[in-house]
Amino acid sequence: MQLTVILPVYGNWTDTLATLGCLAVQDCDGFRVLVADDGSPTEAPEELHGFGFVEYSRGSNLGFAGNCNRAAGLAIAGGATHLLFLNNDTEVGEGFIGGWLRFIEKRPESIASAHIYWFDRPGEVWFSGGRFDLLTPFVRLAREYQEDTEVDIVCGCALLVPILSWERLVGFDLAYAVYFEDFDFSLRARSLGLDVVVAADPELKVRHKISGSFRGTGAWKQQYFLLASRIRFIRRYYPAYLQPLVYLLVVAHLGGVYLLNVPQYPTPRLLWRAVREGMAGA
C-alpha cells in the first residue's frame, strides 16, 4: 500500500504552506506528497522546498481536472496504490493520514471523502456528500454521518481513490475544467458499481477555507466557472423532461448571487460565454 497525497495548486502559496505544515506533523509516515502546480502566475516560494517529504511538479495551466489527472499519472508512475486529492486551502489534524491508512486497510477498494468543515466555524459541516437529486447542482449537503456511509456524491476537497478505480474511470472528465468534476466522478463510479463512501472517522476532519484560489478576484469570476460546469453537469445527468425545471433553478440561483453581491455586477459577455461553454460540453 502506498498513499500519495496530491495537492493541486494555482497560486495561493500562503494557504498551500499552511496545508503542508499540517502534513509535516502527522503522527505516522508511509505517505508521499505531490504538489501539482497548474502553471501558477507566481513562482513557488523557497519555503515549499524545505519540506523534505514533498515532490514538486509544475506544468502548463490545464485547469483543476487536467492538473489532477497529470499529477495522478506521476503518482502512479511512482508506485502509488491510492491517491488522496487534498485542496491546498485546507488544514487537518495530526491523525489525518493515519485515519486514511486505517480506512484503506478496512476498505481498500472504496472511493471515499470525509466531512469538510468551515475553517472559521470548525464545528459546522460545510459539505459531506449524500444522494443525487434535483438540488444537487445548487445545495451543499452537510450531514454529519456517524458511520461510514455509501452515497451518490462526495466532495473532491479530500478525495481518496484507489488506483484501479482511477484507471477504470480514466480520471476526472476534462469537460469540467473547474468545479463539478468530483460530482461527475462520483456518479460515474456509482454507474460502474464502485463503492463511493463518506468516511466517518473524526480523525479525517478537514477544515476548508473555501475557494482560496479565487480569493480577492471578486464575486463573479468564480461564478462564471461554476455556471459553465453546472450547465454541463445538468445536461449530462438530468433527463430532458427535467432540464427546463433545473435551468429555472440556475436562473434563480444567479439572481440570488446577484442580490447578495450588489454593487458587484456580472459582465454580460462573460456570463454569456459561460452559458455557451456549458451548452457546448467540452
C-alpha atoms as a PDB file:
ATOM      1  CA  MET A   1       0.000   0.000   0.000  1.00  0.00           C
ATOM      2  CA  GLN A   2       1.390   3.391  -0.991  1.00  0.00           C
ATOM      3  CA  LEU A   3      -0.650   6.528  -0.417  1.00  0.00           C
ATOM      4  CA  THR A   4       0.225   9.653  -2.404  1.00  0.00           C
ATOM      5  CA  VAL A   5      -1.381  12.939  -1.369  1.00  0.00           C
ATOM      6  CA  ILE A   6      -1.904  15.189  -4.390  1.00  0.00           C
ATOM      7  CA  LEU A   7      -2.083  18.891  -3.575  1.00  0.00           C
ATOM      8  CA  PRO A   8      -3.308  20.761  -6.696  1.00  0.00           C
ATOM      9  CA  VAL A   9      -2.096  24.360  -6.657  1.00  0.00           C
ATOM     10  CA  TYR A  10      -2.753  27.514  -8.632  1.00  0.00           C
ATOM     11  CA  GLY A  11      -1.080  30.304  -6.698  1.00  0.00           C
ATOM     12  CA  ASN A  12      -2.343  30.831  -3.150  1.00  0.00           C
ATOM     13  CA  TRP A  13       1.013  29.848  -1.659  1.00  0.00           C
ATOM     14  CA  THR A  14       0.174  31.045   1.856  1.00  0.00           C
ATOM     15  CA  ASP A  15      -2.605  28.500   2.230  1.00  0.00           C
ATOM     16  CA  THR A  16      -0.507  25.839   0.497  1.00  0.00           C
ATOM     17  CA  LEU A  17       2.312  26.238   3.022  1.00  0.00           C
ATOM     18  CA  ALA A  18      -0.205  26.007   5.881  1.00  0.00           C
ATOM     19  CA  THR A  19      -1.573  22.743   4.467  1.00  0.00           C
ATOM     20  CA  LEU A  20       1.941  21.347   4.102  1.00  0.00           C
ATOM     21  CA  GLY A  21       2.644  22.388   7.680  1.00  0.00           C
ATOM     22  CA  CYS A  22      -0.254  20.202   8.799  1.00  0.00           C
ATOM     23  CA  LEU A  23       1.037  17.256   6.769  1.00  0.00           C
ATOM     24  CA  ALA A  24       4.531  17.736   8.209  1.00  0.00           C
ATOM     25  CA  VAL A  25       3.358  16.933  11.755  1.00  0.00           C
ATOM     26  CA  GLN A  26       1.351  13.780  11.076  1.00  0.00           C
ATOM     27  CA  ASP A  27       1.595  11.056  13.704  1.00  0.00           C
ATOM     28  CA  CYS A  28       2.645   8.456  11.105  1.00  0.00           C
ATOM     29  CA  ASP A  29       4.664   8.141   7.939  1.00  0.00           C
ATOM     30  CA  GLY A  30       4.041   5.886   4.948  1.00  0.00           C
ATOM     31  CA  PHE A  31       2.774   8.545   2.553  1.00  0.00           C
ATOM     32  CA  ARG A  32       4.116  10.861  -0.131  1.00  0.00           C
ATOM     33  CA  VAL A  33       3.010  14.386  -1.066  1.00  0.00           C
ATOM     34  CA  LEU A  34       2.982  15.699  -4.616  1.00  0.00           C
ATOM     35  CA  VAL A  35       2.428  19.441  -5.017  1.00  0.00           C
ATOM     36  CA  ALA A  36       0.970  19.796  -8.521  1.00  0.00           C
ATOM     37  CA  ASP A  37       1.415  23.377  -9.734  1.00  0.00           C
ATOM     38  CA  ASP A  38      -1.020  24.228 -12.538  1.00  0.00           C
ATOM     39  CA  GLY A  39       1.148  26.949 -14.079  1.00  0.00           C
ATOM     40  CA  SER A  40       0.718  29.394 -11.183  1.00  0.00           C
ATOM     41  CA  PRO A  41       1.198  33.083 -12.024  1.00  0.00           C
ATOM     42  CA  THR A  42       3.888  33.317  -9.318  1.00  0.00           C
ATOM     43  CA  GLU A  43       6.841  31.045  -8.582  1.00  0.00           C
ATOM     44  CA  ALA A  44       6.704  28.606  -5.698  1.00  0.00           C
ATOM     45  CA  PRO A  45       8.234  30.080  -2.530  1.00  0.00           C
ATOM     46  CA  GLU A  46      11.538  28.729  -1.227  1.00  0.00           C
ATOM     47  CA  GLU A  47       9.794  27.501   1.936  1.00  0.00           C
ATOM     48  CA  LEU A  48       7.971  24.867  -0.102  1.00  0.00           C
ATOM     49  CA  HIS A  49      11.243  23.151  -0.960  1.00  0.00           C
ATOM     50  CA  GLY A  50      12.096  22.942   2.730  1.00  0.00           C
ATOM     51  CA  PHE A  51       9.552  20.159   3.232  1.00  0.00           C
ATOM     52  CA  GLY A  52      11.635  17.048   2.659  1.00  0.00           C
ATOM     53  CA  PHE A  53       8.631  14.809   2.022  1.00  0.00           C
ATOM     54  CA  VAL A  54       7.294  16.958  -0.830  1.00  0.00           C
ATOM     55  CA  GLU A  55       7.751  16.351  -4.538  1.00  0.00           C
ATOM     56  CA  TYR A  56       7.034  19.476  -6.589  1.00  0.00           C
ATOM     57  CA  SER A  57       5.837  19.377 -10.196  1.00  0.00           C
ATOM     58  CA  ARG A  58       4.974  22.413 -12.304  1.00  0.00           C
ATOM     59  CA  GLY A  59       3.176  22.170 -15.641  1.00  0.00           C
ATOM     60  CA  SER A  60       1.291  24.388 -18.049  1.00  0.00           C
ATOM     61  CA  ASN A  61      -2.157  25.586 -16.989  1.00  0.00           C
ATOM     62  CA  LEU A  62      -4.705  22.842 -17.679  1.00  0.00           C
ATOM     63  CA  GLY A  63      -7.431  23.699 -15.165  1.00  0.00           C
ATOM     64  CA  PHE A  64      -8.162  21.774 -11.983  1.00  0.00           C
ATOM     65  CA  ALA A  65      -9.232  18.491 -13.583  1.00  0.00           C
ATOM     66  CA  GLY A  66      -6.374  18.404 -16.078  1.00  0.00           C
ATOM     67  CA  ASN A  67      -3.825  19.259 -13.400  1.00  0.00           C
ATOM     68  CA  CYS A  68      -5.119  16.477 -11.138  1.00  0.00           C
ATOM     69  CA  ASN A  69      -5.021  13.966 -13.984  1.00  0.00           C
ATOM     70  CA  ARG A  70      -1.441  14.925 -14.834  1.00  0.00           C
ATOM     71  CA  ALA A  71      -0.409  14.623 -11.173  1.00  0.00           C
ATOM     72  CA  ALA A  72      -2.156  11.259 -10.841  1.00  0.00           C
ATOM     73  CA  GLY A  73      -0.095   9.959 -13.752  1.00  0.00           C
ATOM     74  CA  LEU A  74       3.110  10.981 -11.964  1.00  0.00           C
ATOM     75  CA  ALA A  75       1.937   9.360  -8.712  1.00  0.00           C
ATOM     76  CA  ILE A  76       1.022   6.122 -10.460  1.00  0.00           C
ATOM     77  CA  ALA A  77       4.392   6.032 -12.217  1.00  0.00           C
ATOM     78  CA  GLY A  78       5.945   6.407  -8.757  1.00  0.00           C
ATOM     79  CA  GLY A  79       4.160   3.318  -7.446  1.00  0.00           C
ATOM     80  CA  ALA A  80       1.086   4.752  -5.720  1.00  0.00           C
ATOM     81  CA  THR A  81      -1.723   2.338  -4.931  1.00  0.00           C
ATOM     82  CA  HIS A  82      -4.073   5.042  -3.619  1.00  0.00           C
ATOM     83  CA  LEU A  83      -4.434   8.742  -4.381  1.00  0.00           C
ATOM     84  CA  LEU A  84      -5.673  11.319  -1.883  1.00  0.00           C
ATOM     85  CA  PHE A  85      -6.606  14.599  -3.556  1.00  0.00           C
ATOM     86  CA  LEU A  86      -6.489  17.381  -0.971  1.00  0.00           C
ATOM     87  CA  ASN A  87      -7.312  21.029  -1.641  1.00  0.00           C
ATOM     88  CA  ASN A  88      -4.473  23.437  -0.917  1.00  0.00           C
ATOM     89  CA  ASP A  89      -6.727  25.717   1.163  1.00  0.00           C
ATOM     90  CA  THR A  90      -7.377  23.114   3.872  1.00  0.00           C
ATOM     91  CA  GLU A  91      -5.959  22.243   7.260  1.00  0.00           C
ATOM     92  CA  VAL A  92      -6.097  18.873   9.011  1.00  0.00           C
ATOM     93  CA  GLY A  93      -5.200  17.289  12.330  1.00  0.00           C
ATOM     94  CA  GLU A  94      -2.175  15.166  13.218  1.00  0.00           C
ATOM     95  CA  GLY A  95      -4.119  11.913  12.824  1.00  0.00           C
ATOM     96  CA  PHE A  96      -5.409  12.683   9.318  1.00  0.00           C
ATOM     97  CA  ILE A  97      -3.099  10.422   7.315  1.00  0.00           C
ATOM     98  CA  GLY A  98      -3.246   7.656   9.920  1.00  0.00           C
ATOM     99  CA  GLY A  99      -7.031   7.725   9.674  1.00  0.00           C
ATOM    100  CA  TRP A 100      -6.879   7.287   5.905  1.00  0.00           C
ATOM    101  CA  LEU A 101      -4.379   4.435   6.178  1.00  0.00           C
ATOM    102  CA  ARG A 102      -6.745   2.641   8.573  1.00  0.00           C
ATOM    103  CA  PHE A 103      -9.628   3.262   6.182  1.00  0.00           C
ATOM    104  CA  ILE A 104      -7.653   1.797   3.274  1.00  0.00           C
ATOM    105  CA  GLU A 105      -6.868  -1.329   5.297  1.00  0.00           C
ATOM    106  CA  LYS A 106     -10.569  -1.689   6.045  1.00  0.00           C
ATOM    107  CA  ARG A 107     -11.972  -0.764   2.609  1.00  0.00           C
ATOM    108  CA  PRO A 108      -9.098  -0.895   0.085  1.00  0.00           C
ATOM    109  CA  GLU A 109     -11.371  -0.696  -2.963  1.00  0.00           C
ATOM    110  CA  SER A 110     -13.628   2.179  -1.880  1.00  0.00           C
ATOM    111  CA  ILE A 111     -13.643   5.719  -3.241  1.00  0.00           C
ATOM    112  CA  ALA A 112     -14.152   7.988  -0.247  1.00  0.00           C
ATOM    113  CA  SER A 113     -14.302  11.507   1.080  1.00  0.00           C
ATOM    114  CA  ALA A 114     -14.530  12.919   4.587  1.00  0.00           C
ATOM    115  CA  HIS A 115     -16.579  15.536   6.375  1.00  0.00           C
ATOM    116  CA  ILE A 116     -15.478  19.000   5.238  1.00  0.00           C
ATOM    117  CA  TYR A 117     -15.945  21.745   7.853  1.00  0.00           C
ATOM    118  CA  TRP A 118     -15.858  25.522   7.579  1.00  0.00           C
ATOM    119  CA  PHE A 119     -12.401  26.757   8.571  1.00  0.00           C
ATOM    120  CA  ASP A 120     -13.773  29.666  10.601  1.00  0.00           C
ATOM    121  CA  ARG A 121     -16.644  27.590  12.045  1.00  0.00           C
ATOM    122  CA  PRO A 122     -14.887  24.270  12.754  1.00  0.00           C
ATOM    123  CA  GLY A 123     -17.909  22.739  14.466  1.00  0.00           C
ATOM    124  CA  GLU A 124     -20.117  23.165  11.388  1.00  0.00           C
ATOM    125  CA  VAL A 125     -20.014  20.883   8.353  1.00  0.00           C
ATOM    126  CA  TRP A 126     -19.604  22.729   5.041  1.00  0.00           C
ATOM    127  CA  PHE A 127     -20.066  19.639   2.871  1.00  0.00           C
ATOM    128  CA  SER A 128     -20.218  15.921   3.421  1.00  0.00           C
ATOM    129  CA  GLY A 129     -21.835  14.233   0.448  1.00  0.00           C
ATOM    130  CA  GLY A 130     -25.068  12.366   0.021  1.00  0.00           C
ATOM    131  CA  ARG A 131     -27.667  11.363  -2.509  1.00  0.00           C
ATOM    132  CA  PHE A 132     -28.129  12.766  -6.002  1.00  0.00           C
ATOM    133  CA  ASP A 133     -31.371  14.692  -6.519  1.00  0.00           C
ATOM    134  CA  LEU A 134     -32.862  17.780  -8.157  1.00  0.00           C
ATOM    135  CA  LEU A 135     -30.968  20.208  -5.917  1.00  0.00           C
ATOM    136  CA  THR A 136     -27.522  18.607  -6.233  1.00  0.00           C
ATOM    137  CA  PRO A 137     -26.129  21.369  -8.526  1.00  0.00           C
ATOM    138  CA  PHE A 138     -27.102  24.074  -6.016  1.00  0.00           C
ATOM    139  CA  VAL A 139     -27.039  22.773  -2.443  1.00  0.00           C
ATOM    140  CA  ARG A 140     -24.037  21.605  -0.445  1.00  0.00           C
ATOM    141  CA  LEU A 141     -25.130  18.561   1.540  1.00  0.00           C
ATOM    142  CA  ALA A 142     -23.938  18.980   5.107  1.00  0.00           C
ATOM    143  CA  ARG A 143     -24.974  15.906   7.064  1.00  0.00           C
ATOM    144  CA  GLU A 144     -22.648  14.619   9.784  1.00  0.00           C
ATOM    145  CA  TYR A 145     -22.543  10.830   9.346  1.00  0.00           C
ATOM    146  CA  GLN A 146     -21.865   8.669  12.385  1.00  0.00           C
ATOM    147  CA  GLU A 147     -20.579   5.690  10.421  1.00  0.00           C
ATOM    148  CA  ASP A 148     -19.069   5.035   7.001  1.00  0.00           C
ATOM    149  CA  THR A 149     -21.958   5.524   4.577  1.00  0.00           C
ATOM    150  CA  GLU A 150     -22.310   4.762   0.875  1.00  0.00           C
ATOM    151  CA  VAL A 151     -23.565   7.802  -1.053  1.00  0.00           C
ATOM    152  CA  ASP A 152     -24.005   9.056  -4.628  1.00  0.00           C
ATOM    153  CA  ILE A 153     -21.948  12.252  -4.349  1.00  0.00           C
ATOM    154  CA  VAL A 154     -18.750  13.024  -2.451  1.00  0.00           C
ATOM    155  CA  CYS A 155     -16.559  16.112  -2.230  1.00  0.00           C
ATOM    156  CA  GLY A 156     -13.276  16.408  -4.121  1.00  0.00           C
ATOM    157  CA  CYS A 157     -11.837  18.644  -1.409  1.00  0.00           C
ATOM    158  CA  ALA A 158     -10.420  15.485   0.236  1.00  0.00           C
ATOM    159  CA  LEU A 159     -10.980  12.534  -2.079  1.00  0.00           C
ATOM    160  CA  LEU A 160      -9.419   9.073  -1.745  1.00  0.00           C
ATOM    161  CA  VAL A 161      -9.285   6.962  -4.903  1.00  0.00           C
ATOM    162  CA  PRO A 162      -7.736   3.509  -5.365  1.00  0.00           C
ATOM    163  CA  ILE A 163      -5.550   3.399  -8.481  1.00  0.00           C
ATOM    164  CA  LEU A 164      -7.588   0.595 -10.064  1.00  0.00           C
ATOM    165  CA  SER A 165     -10.767   2.711  -9.783  1.00  0.00           C
ATOM    166  CA  TRP A 166      -8.967   5.815 -11.043  1.00  0.00           C
ATOM    167  CA  GLU A 167      -7.741   3.990 -14.138  1.00  0.00           C
ATOM    168  CA  ARG A 168     -11.108   2.374 -14.765  1.00  0.00           C
ATOM    169  CA  LEU A 169     -12.766   5.812 -14.702  1.00  0.00           C
ATOM    170  CA  VAL A 170      -9.899   7.377 -16.718  1.00  0.00           C
ATOM    171  CA  GLY A 171      -9.544  10.138 -14.120  1.00  0.00           C
ATOM    172  CA  PHE A 172     -11.558  13.341 -13.953  1.00  0.00           C
ATOM    173  CA  ASP A 173     -13.530  14.371 -17.019  1.00  0.00           C
ATOM    174  CA  LEU A 174     -11.738  17.301 -18.661  1.00  0.00           C
ATOM    175  CA  ALA A 175     -15.097  18.808 -19.671  1.00  0.00           C
ATOM    176  CA  TYR A 176     -15.176  20.093 -16.073  1.00  0.00           C
ATOM    177  CA  ALA A 177     -12.088  22.312 -16.034  1.00  0.00           C
ATOM    178  CA  VAL A 178     -13.092  23.697 -12.614  1.00  0.00           C
ATOM    179  CA  TYR A 179     -15.984  22.506 -10.382  1.00  0.00           C
ATOM    180  CA  PHE A 180     -18.359  19.529 -10.592  1.00  0.00           C
ATOM    181  CA  GLU A 181     -15.563  17.159 -11.652  1.00  0.00           C
ATOM    182  CA  ASP A 182     -15.949  15.440  -8.256  1.00  0.00           C
ATOM    183  CA  PHE A 183     -19.725  15.017  -8.607  1.00  0.00           C
ATOM    184  CA  ASP A 184     -19.302  13.652 -12.118  1.00  0.00           C
ATOM    185  CA  PHE A 185     -16.536  11.291 -10.932  1.00  0.00           C
ATOM    186  CA  SER A 186     -18.739  10.011  -8.094  1.00  0.00           C
ATOM    187  CA  LEU A 187     -21.727   9.335 -10.324  1.00  0.00           C
ATOM    188  CA  ARG A 188     -19.635   7.618 -12.987  1.00  0.00           C
ATOM    189  CA  ALA A 189     -18.144   5.416 -10.267  1.00  0.00           C
ATOM    190  CA  ARG A 190     -21.597   4.524  -8.985  1.00  0.00           C
ATOM    191  CA  SER A 191     -22.734   3.674 -12.521  1.00  0.00           C
ATOM    192  CA  LEU A 192     -19.930   1.074 -12.661  1.00  0.00           C
ATOM    193  CA  GLY A 193     -20.923  -0.410  -9.313  1.00  0.00           C
ATOM    194  CA  LEU A 194     -17.959   1.022  -7.388  1.00  0.00           C
ATOM    195  CA  ASP A 195     -18.265   1.947  -3.716  1.00  0.00           C
ATOM    196  CA  VAL A 196     -18.492   5.694  -3.016  1.00  0.00           C
ATOM    197  CA  VAL A 197     -18.337   6.410   0.710  1.00  0.00           C
ATOM    198  CA  VAL A 198     -18.335   9.224   3.248  1.00  0.00           C
ATOM    199  CA  ALA A 199     -15.804   8.109   5.868  1.00  0.00           C
ATOM    200  CA  ALA A 200     -16.936   8.973   9.380  1.00  0.00           C
ATOM    201  CA  ASP A 201     -13.649   8.730  11.326  1.00  0.00           C
ATOM    202  CA  PRO A 202     -13.303  12.086  13.173  1.00  0.00           C
ATOM    203  CA  GLU A 203      -9.537  11.983  12.553  1.00  0.00           C
ATOM    204  CA  LEU A 204     -10.332  12.661   8.886  1.00  0.00           C
ATOM    205  CA  LYS A 205     -11.921  16.024   9.633  1.00  0.00           C
ATOM    206  CA  VAL A 206     -10.930  18.699   7.095  1.00  0.00           C
ATOM    207  CA  ARG A 207     -11.178  22.446   7.730  1.00  0.00           C
ATOM    208  CA  HIS A 208     -11.709  24.251   4.443  1.00  0.00           C
ATOM    209  CA  LYS A 209     -11.009  27.936   3.768  1.00  0.00           C
ATOM    210  CA  ILE A 210     -13.315  27.829   0.689  1.00  0.00           C
ATOM    211  CA  SER A 211     -12.170  28.832  -2.797  1.00  0.00           C
ATOM    212  CA  GLY A 212      -8.716  30.055  -1.816  1.00  0.00           C
ATOM    213  CA  SER A 213      -7.579  30.296  -5.438  1.00  0.00           C
ATOM    214  CA  PHE A 214     -10.375  32.809  -6.165  1.00  0.00           C
ATOM    215  CA  ARG A 215      -9.868  34.908  -3.054  1.00  0.00           C
ATOM    216  CA  GLY A 216      -9.612  38.588  -3.918  1.00  0.00           C
ATOM    217  CA  THR A 217     -10.854  38.193  -7.512  1.00  0.00           C
ATOM    218  CA  GLY A 218     -14.400  39.451  -6.856  1.00  0.00           C
ATOM    219  CA  ALA A 219     -17.658  37.544  -6.587  1.00  0.00           C
ATOM    220  CA  TRP A 220     -18.301  36.852 -10.250  1.00  0.00           C
ATOM    221  CA  LYS A 221     -15.115  35.321 -11.623  1.00  0.00           C
ATOM    222  CA  GLN A 222     -15.756  32.144  -9.652  1.00  0.00           C
ATOM    223  CA  GLN A 223     -19.422  32.176 -10.704  1.00  0.00           C
ATOM    224  CA  TYR A 224     -18.525  32.082 -14.407  1.00  0.00           C
ATOM    225  CA  PHE A 225     -16.638  28.805 -13.888  1.00  0.00           C
ATOM    226  CA  LEU A 226     -19.416  27.425 -11.707  1.00  0.00           C
ATOM    227  CA  LEU A 227     -22.074  28.297 -14.268  1.00  0.00           C
ATOM    228  CA  ALA A 228     -20.305  26.594 -17.174  1.00  0.00           C
ATOM    229  CA  SER A 229     -19.658  23.395 -15.206  1.00  0.00           C
ATOM    230  CA  ARG A 230     -23.133  23.428 -13.637  1.00  0.00           C
ATOM    231  CA  ILE A 231     -24.780  23.525 -17.073  1.00  0.00           C
ATOM    232  CA  ARG A 232     -22.567  20.683 -18.323  1.00  0.00           C
ATOM    233  CA  PHE A 233     -23.487  18.619 -15.278  1.00  0.00           C
ATOM    234  CA  ILE A 234     -27.220  19.257 -15.776  1.00  0.00           C
ATOM    235  CA  ARG A 235     -27.081  18.310 -19.447  1.00  0.00           C
ATOM    236  CA  ARG A 236     -25.302  15.056 -18.630  1.00  0.00           C
ATOM    237  CA  TYR A 237     -27.225  13.812 -15.599  1.00  0.00           C
ATOM    238  CA  TYR A 238     -30.806  15.074 -15.793  1.00  0.00           C
ATOM    239  CA  PRO A 239     -33.398  13.660 -18.207  1.00  0.00           C
ATOM    240  CA  ALA A 240     -34.724  16.003 -20.888  1.00  0.00           C
ATOM    241  CA  TYR A 241     -38.111  16.415 -19.217  1.00  0.00           C
ATOM    242  CA  LEU A 242     -36.475  17.719 -16.013  1.00  0.00           C
ATOM    243  CA  GLN A 243     -33.882  20.002 -17.570  1.00  0.00           C
ATOM    244  CA  PRO A 244     -36.183  23.036 -18.073  1.00  0.00           C
ATOM    245  CA  LEU A 245     -37.002  22.997 -14.363  1.00  0.00           C
ATOM    246  CA  VAL A 246     -33.338  22.697 -13.381  1.00  0.00           C
ATOM    247  CA  TYR A 247     -32.420  25.563 -15.722  1.00  0.00           C
ATOM    248  CA  LEU A 248     -35.032  27.704 -13.991  1.00  0.00           C
ATOM    249  CA  LEU A 249     -33.223  26.916 -10.753  1.00  0.00           C
ATOM    250  CA  VAL A 250     -29.980  28.034 -12.406  1.00  0.00           C
ATOM    251  CA  VAL A 251     -31.554  31.406 -13.217  1.00  0.00           C
ATOM    252  CA  ALA A 252     -32.943  31.710  -9.687  1.00  0.00           C
ATOM    253  CA  HIS A 253     -29.526  30.853  -8.247  1.00  0.00           C
ATOM    254  CA  LEU A 254     -27.827  33.540 -10.354  1.00  0.00           C
ATOM    255  CA  GLY A 255     -30.462  36.018  -9.182  1.00  0.00           C
ATOM    256  CA  GLY A 256     -29.609  35.186  -5.600  1.00  0.00           C
ATOM    257  CA  VAL A 257     -25.875  35.626  -6.266  1.00  0.00           C
ATOM    258  CA  TYR A 258     -26.621  38.985  -7.876  1.00  0.00           C
ATOM    259  CA  LEU A 259     -28.628  40.234  -4.891  1.00  0.00           C
ATOM    260  CA  LEU A 260     -26.024  39.071  -2.400  1.00  0.00           C
ATOM    261  CA  ASN A 261     -23.165  40.804  -4.199  1.00  0.00           C
ATOM    262  CA  VAL A 262     -24.597  44.190  -5.202  1.00  0.00           C
ATOM    263  CA  PRO A 263     -22.896  46.534  -6.112  1.00  0.00           C
ATOM    264  CA  GLN A 264     -20.635  43.987  -7.856  1.00  0.00           C
ATOM    265  CA  TYR A 265     -22.216  43.163 -11.200  1.00  0.00           C
ATOM    266  CA  PRO A 266     -21.515  40.368 -13.681  1.00  0.00           C
ATOM    267  CA  THR A 267     -20.054  41.125 -17.082  1.00  0.00           C
ATOM    268  CA  PRO A 268     -22.803  40.097 -19.557  1.00  0.00           C
ATOM    269  CA  ARG A 269     -20.255  38.973 -22.159  1.00  0.00           C
ATOM    270  CA  LEU A 270     -18.520  36.638 -19.687  1.00  0.00           C
ATOM    271  CA  LEU A 271     -21.819  35.364 -18.325  1.00  0.00           C
ATOM    272  CA  TRP A 272     -22.990  34.512 -21.839  1.00  0.00           C
ATOM    273  CA  ARG A 273     -19.656  32.873 -22.638  1.00  0.00           C
ATOM    274  CA  ALA A 274     -20.048  30.625 -19.582  1.00  0.00           C
ATOM    275  CA  VAL A 275     -23.519  29.621 -20.787  1.00  0.00           C
ATOM    276  CA  ARG A 276     -22.186  28.841 -24.284  1.00  0.00           C
ATOM    277  CA  GLU A 277     -19.341  26.786 -22.892  1.00  0.00           C
ATOM    278  CA  GLY A 278     -21.694  24.838 -20.659  1.00  0.00           C
ATOM    279  CA  MET A 279     -24.043  24.075 -23.518  1.00  0.00           C
ATOM    280  CA  ALA A 280     -21.160  23.104 -25.807  1.00  0.00           C
ATOM    281  CA  GLY A 281     -19.934  20.392 -23.426  1.00  0.00           C
ATOM    282  CA  ALA A 282     -16.142  20.083 -23.513  1.00  0.00           C
END
